[in-house]
Amino acid sequence: MTRILKRRMIARSAAVAVVGMMLMGVGQSTQGVPISGTDVGLEGEPGGVVAPMPTNDAGQASFTVGPGRYAVAIWNVQSLGVPAVARIEVGRTVLTSAPILPGQGRGRAYFMGPDGRRLVAVVPGGGRIRVTLTEAASGPRPWTPVVPRPREGRS
């Protein structure tokens, strides 16, 4: 084999290993019991708010949306009884959130990514966004949990 071919094989092996490690991290953060009856909604650009809907027995809520960018939120964080994570699916793209802690703060709590920013589902031509809400896995967490902050002037 030539040197170039050997380098390509090594590069491909390394890429496969990195993807495998990333998938393992995603799997660990989505373990848990489905959370049903919690209102989940979308905030879109453009288009404002997509009406929230309760999660079903499988912890899922599904939205059909037009083209745009959508942040996913729990509409009333005080309704959570346990730490929760979301798995957000748009076509083949899957986003997994950092945990949200229950009962702290008021109103909406947006799901965040490992970079500390809101997770945003991009739907270029319109389509379906499926959100699965589950209890956060116990044990070491891959990210710092998100604690919603109360609005100023309220106690």
C-alpha atoms as a PDB file:
ATOM      1  CA  MET A   1       0.000   0.000   0.000  1.00  0.00           C
ATOM      2  CA  THR A   2       1.123   3.481  -0.642  1.00  0.00           C
ATOM      3  CA  ARG A   3       1.637   6.052   2.094  1.00  0.00           C
ATOM      4  CA  ILE A   4      -1.322   8.095   0.882  1.00  0.00           C
ATOM      5  CA  LEU A   5      -3.653   5.099   1.103  1.00  0.00           C
ATOM      6  CA  LYS A   6      -2.419   4.263   4.617  1.00  0.00           C
ATOM      7  CA  ARG A   7      -2.987   7.869   5.758  1.00  0.00           C
ATOM      8  CA  ARG A   8      -6.511   7.850   4.346  1.00  0.00           C
ATOM      9  CA  MET A   9      -7.310   4.604   6.172  1.00  0.00           C
ATOM     10  CA  ILE A  10      -5.977   6.024   9.446  1.00  0.00           C
ATOM     11  CA  ALA A  11      -7.947   9.252   8.964  1.00  0.00           C
ATOM     12  CA  ARG A  12     -11.171   7.311   8.294  1.00  0.00           C
ATOM     13  CA  SER A  13     -10.627   5.127  11.359  1.00  0.00           C
ATOM     14  CA  ALA A  14     -10.072   8.186  13.510  1.00  0.00           C
ATOM     15  CA  ALA A  15     -13.217   9.838  12.132  1.00  0.00           C
ATOM     16  CA  VAL A  16     -15.294   6.728  12.872  1.00  0.00           C
ATOM     17  CA  ALA A  17     -13.926   6.630  16.437  1.00  0.00           C
ATOM     18  CA  VAL A  18     -14.787  10.299  17.031  1.00  0.00           C
ATOM     19  CA  VAL A  19     -18.335   9.840  15.728  1.00  0.00           C
ATOM     20  CA  GLY A  20     -18.741   6.762  17.936  1.00  0.00           C
ATOM     21  CA  MET A  21     -17.639   8.683  21.030  1.00  0.00           C
ATOM     22  CA  MET A  22     -20.059  11.502  20.193  1.00  0.00           C
ATOM     23  CA  LEU A  23     -22.943   9.058  19.820  1.00  0.00           C
ATOM     24  CA  MET A  24     -22.077   7.402  23.129  1.00  0.00           C
ATOM     25  CA  GLY A  25     -22.282  10.790  24.862  1.00  0.00           C
ATOM     26  CA  VAL A  26     -25.671  11.521  23.291  1.00  0.00           C
ATOM     27  CA  GLY A  27     -27.016   8.131  24.350  1.00  0.00           C
ATOM     28  CA  GLN A  28     -25.944   8.599  27.944  1.00  0.00           C
ATOM     29  CA  SER A  29     -27.717  11.935  28.265  1.00  0.00           C
ATOM     30  CA  THR A  30     -31.077  10.672  26.942  1.00  0.00           C
ATOM     31  CA  GLN A  31     -31.629   7.718  29.267  1.00  0.00           C
ATOM     32  CA  GLY A  32     -34.637   7.775  31.513  1.00  0.00           C
ATOM     33  CA  VAL A  33     -38.340   7.347  31.909  1.00  0.00           C
ATOM     34  CA  PRO A  34     -40.575   9.256  29.475  1.00  0.00           C
ATOM     35  CA  ILE A  35     -42.250  12.320  30.992  1.00  0.00           C
ATOM     36  CA  SER A  36     -45.900  12.611  29.937  1.00  0.00           C
ATOM     37  CA  GLY A  37     -48.329  15.502  30.316  1.00  0.00           C
ATOM     38  CA  THR A  38     -45.726  18.295  30.242  1.00  0.00           C
ATOM     39  CA  ASP A  39     -46.457  21.177  27.869  1.00  0.00           C
ATOM     40  CA  VAL A  40     -43.704  21.585  25.280  1.00  0.00           C
ATOM     41  CA  GLY A  41     -43.738  24.327  22.648  1.00  0.00           C
ATOM     42  CA  LEU A  42     -41.653  25.999  19.972  1.00  0.00           C
ATOM     43  CA  GLU A  43     -40.562  29.576  19.482  1.00  0.00           C
ATOM     44  CA  GLY A  44     -39.824  30.236  15.836  1.00  0.00           C
ATOM     45  CA  GLU A  45     -37.948  32.612  13.573  1.00  0.00           C
ATOM     46  CA  PRO A  46     -39.947  33.772  11.675  1.00  0.00           C
ATOM     47  CA  GLY A  47     -43.406  32.985  12.899  1.00  0.00           C
ATOM     48  CA  GLY A  48     -43.407  33.563  16.654  1.00  0.00           C
ATOM     49  CA  VAL A  49     -44.766  30.901  18.944  1.00  0.00           C
ATOM     50  CA  VAL A  50     -46.069  27.476  17.957  1.00  0.00           C
ATOM     51  CA  ALA A  51     -48.816  26.496  20.405  1.00  0.00           C
ATOM     52  CA  PRO A  52     -47.577  24.193  23.149  1.00  0.00           C
ATOM     53  CA  MET A  53     -48.898  20.666  23.452  1.00  0.00           C
ATOM     54  CA  PRO A  54     -48.618  18.088  26.222  1.00  0.00           C
ATOM     55  CA  THR A  55     -46.243  15.168  25.815  1.00  0.00           C
ATOM     56  CA  ASN A  56     -47.928  11.784  25.351  1.00  0.00           C
ATOM     57  CA  ASP A  57     -47.305   8.567  27.349  1.00  0.00           C
ATOM     58  CA  ALA A  58     -44.051   8.054  25.405  1.00  0.00           C
ATOM     59  CA  GLY A  59     -42.920  11.568  26.405  1.00  0.00           C
ATOM     60  CA  GLN A  60     -43.324  12.807  22.825  1.00  0.00           C
ATOM     61  CA  ALA A  61     -44.835  15.863  21.182  1.00  0.00           C
ATOM     62  CA  SER A  62     -44.786  16.374  17.427  1.00  0.00           C
ATOM     63  CA  PHE A  63     -45.129  19.662  15.541  1.00  0.00           C
ATOM     64  CA  THR A  64     -45.631  20.301  11.827  1.00  0.00           C
ATOM     65  CA  VAL A  65     -43.985  23.619  10.996  1.00  0.00           C
ATOM     66  CA  GLY A  66     -43.077  25.853   8.081  1.00  0.00           C
ATOM     67  CA  PRO A  67     -39.502  26.718   7.127  1.00  0.00           C
ATOM     68  CA  GLY A  68     -37.537  28.410   9.893  1.00  0.00           C
ATOM     69  CA  ARG A  69     -35.512  28.045  13.065  1.00  0.00           C
ATOM     70  CA  TYR A  70     -37.225  26.848  16.236  1.00  0.00           C
ATOM     71  CA  ALA A  71     -36.166  26.850  19.900  1.00  0.00           C
ATOM     72  CA  VAL A  72     -37.852  24.211  22.097  1.00  0.00           C
ATOM     73  CA  ALA A  73     -39.144  25.043  25.572  1.00  0.00           C
ATOM     74  CA  ILE A  74     -41.067  23.591  28.476  1.00  0.00           C
ATOM     75  CA  TRP A  75     -43.936  26.022  28.845  1.00  0.00           C
ATOM     76  CA  ASN A  76     -44.222  25.821  32.632  1.00  0.00           C
ATOM     77  CA  VAL A  77     -41.004  24.688  34.304  1.00  0.00           C
ATOM     78  CA  GLN A  78     -42.802  24.479  37.662  1.00  0.00           C
ATOM     79  CA  SER A  79     -44.795  21.523  36.284  1.00  0.00           C
ATOM     80  CA  LEU A  80     -41.643  19.367  36.124  1.00  0.00           C
ATOM     81  CA  GLY A  81     -41.246  16.885  38.948  1.00  0.00           C
ATOM     82  CA  VAL A  82     -37.830  15.521  37.931  1.00  0.00           C
ATOM     83  CA  PRO A  83     -34.771  16.741  35.989  1.00  0.00           C
ATOM     84  CA  ALA A  84     -35.568  16.433  32.277  1.00  0.00           C
ATOM     85  CA  VAL A  85     -33.692  16.193  28.980  1.00  0.00           C
ATOM     86  CA  ALA A  86     -35.092  16.559  25.473  1.00  0.00           C
ATOM     87  CA  ARG A  87     -34.282  14.698  22.284  1.00  0.00           C
ATOM     88  CA  ILE A  88     -35.243  16.881  19.340  1.00  0.00           C
ATOM     89  CA  GLU A  89     -35.550  15.246  15.909  1.00  0.00           C
ATOM     90  CA  VAL A  90     -35.825  17.037  12.570  1.00  0.00           C
ATOM     91  CA  GLY A  91     -35.470  14.535   9.745  1.00  0.00           C
ATOM     92  CA  ARG A  92     -32.161  12.756  10.335  1.00  0.00           C
ATOM     93  CA  THR A  93     -30.828  15.491  12.620  1.00  0.00           C
ATOM     94  CA  VAL A  94     -31.002  14.741  16.344  1.00  0.00           C
ATOM     95  CA  LEU A  95     -30.256  17.293  19.076  1.00  0.00           C
ATOM     96  CA  THR A  96     -29.967  16.361  22.745  1.00  0.00           C
ATOM     97  CA  SER A  97     -30.318  18.919  25.508  1.00  0.00           C
ATOM     98  CA  ALA A  98     -28.610  19.552  28.794  1.00  0.00           C
ATOM     99  CA  PRO A  99     -30.856  18.710  31.790  1.00  0.00           C
ATOM    100  CA  ILE A 100     -33.434  21.206  33.076  1.00  0.00           C
ATOM    101  CA  LEU A 101     -34.019  21.062  36.824  1.00  0.00           C
ATOM    102  CA  PRO A 102     -37.597  20.938  38.113  1.00  0.00           C
ATOM    103  CA  GLY A 103     -39.557  23.698  39.822  1.00  0.00           C
ATOM    104  CA  GLN A 104     -36.954  26.455  39.711  1.00  0.00           C
ATOM    105  CA  GLY A 105     -37.937  29.664  38.002  1.00  0.00           C
ATOM    106  CA  ARG A 106     -41.213  30.599  36.391  1.00  0.00           C
ATOM    107  CA  GLY A 107     -42.665  30.265  32.955  1.00  0.00           C
ATOM    108  CA  ARG A 108     -40.758  28.869  29.999  1.00  0.00           C
ATOM    109  CA  ALA A 109     -37.466  27.040  30.212  1.00  0.00           C
ATOM    110  CA  TYR A 110     -35.563  26.596  26.950  1.00  0.00           C
ATOM    111  CA  PHE A 111     -33.513  23.504  26.263  1.00  0.00           C
ATOM    112  CA  MET A 112     -29.819  24.278  25.990  1.00  0.00           C
ATOM    113  CA  GLY A 113     -26.895  22.586  24.290  1.00  0.00           C
ATOM    114  CA  PRO A 114     -23.385  21.863  25.604  1.00  0.00           C
ATOM    115  CA  ASP A 115     -22.292  25.347  24.500  1.00  0.00           C
ATOM    116  CA  GLY A 116     -24.797  27.012  26.869  1.00  0.00           C
ATOM    117  CA  ARG A 117     -26.966  28.309  24.028  1.00  0.00           C
ATOM    118  CA  ARG A 118     -30.557  27.481  23.204  1.00  0.00           C
ATOM    119  CA  LEU A 119     -30.933  24.393  21.047  1.00  0.00           C
ATOM    120  CA  VAL A 120     -32.344  25.510  17.711  1.00  0.00           C
ATOM    121  CA  ALA A 121     -33.958  23.096  15.272  1.00  0.00           C
ATOM    122  CA  VAL A 122     -33.505  24.248  11.675  1.00  0.00           C
ATOM    123  CA  VAL A 123     -36.266  23.212   9.269  1.00  0.00           C
ATOM    124  CA  PRO A 124     -35.228  24.496   5.809  1.00  0.00           C
ATOM    125  CA  GLY A 125     -38.291  23.468   3.798  1.00  0.00           C
ATOM    126  CA  GLY A 126     -40.846  22.948   6.542  1.00  0.00           C
ATOM    127  CA  GLY A 127     -41.588  19.597   8.106  1.00  0.00           C
ATOM    128  CA  ARG A 128     -41.930  17.854  11.424  1.00  0.00           C
ATOM    129  CA  ILE A 129     -40.150  18.448  14.723  1.00  0.00           C
ATOM    130  CA  ARG A 130     -40.478  15.628  17.245  1.00  0.00           C
ATOM    131  CA  VAL A 131     -39.558  16.261  20.866  1.00  0.00           C
ATOM    132  CA  THR A 132     -39.081  13.392  23.327  1.00  0.00           C
ATOM    133  CA  LEU A 133     -38.934  14.404  26.985  1.00  0.00           C
ATOM    134  CA  THR A 134     -37.362  11.968  29.471  1.00  0.00           C
ATOM    135  CA  GLU A 135     -36.009  11.975  32.991  1.00  0.00           C
ATOM    136  CA  ALA A 136     -32.343  12.937  33.065  1.00  0.00           C
ATOM    137  CA  ALA A 137     -30.041   9.996  33.757  1.00  0.00           C
ATOM    138  CA  SER A 138     -28.658   9.801  37.262  1.00  0.00           C
ATOM    139  CA  GLY A 139     -24.945   9.821  37.824  1.00  0.00           C
ATOM    140  CA  PRO A 140     -22.330  12.036  36.225  1.00  0.00           C
ATOM    141  CA  ARG A 141     -23.764  14.580  33.830  1.00  0.00           C
ATOM    142  CA  PRO A 142     -22.056  15.463  30.573  1.00  0.00           C
ATOM    143  CA  TRP A 143     -23.097  19.124  30.957  1.00  0.00           C
ATOM    144  CA  THR A 144     -24.050  21.546  33.678  1.00  0.00           C
ATOM    145  CA  PRO A 145     -27.812  21.467  34.260  1.00  0.00           C
ATOM    146  CA  VAL A 146     -29.807  24.514  33.203  1.00  0.00           C
ATOM    147  CA  VAL A 147     -31.512  26.310  36.085  1.00  0.00           C
ATOM    148  CA  PRO A 148     -34.027  28.876  34.822  1.00  0.00           C
ATOM    149  CA  ARG A 149     -33.544  32.284  36.388  1.00  0.00           C
ATOM    150  CA  PRO A 150     -36.556  34.124  37.815  1.00  0.00           C
ATOM    151  CA  ARG A 151     -37.376  37.413  36.138  1.00  0.00           C
ATOM    152  CA  GLU A 152     -36.206  40.523  37.932  1.00  0.00           C
ATOM    153  CA  GLY A 153     -38.789  42.209  40.119  1.00  0.00           C
ATOM    154  CA  ARG A 154     -40.505  38.924  40.991  1.00  0.00           C
ATOM    155  CA  SER A 155     -39.836  36.684  43.929  1.00  0.00           C
END
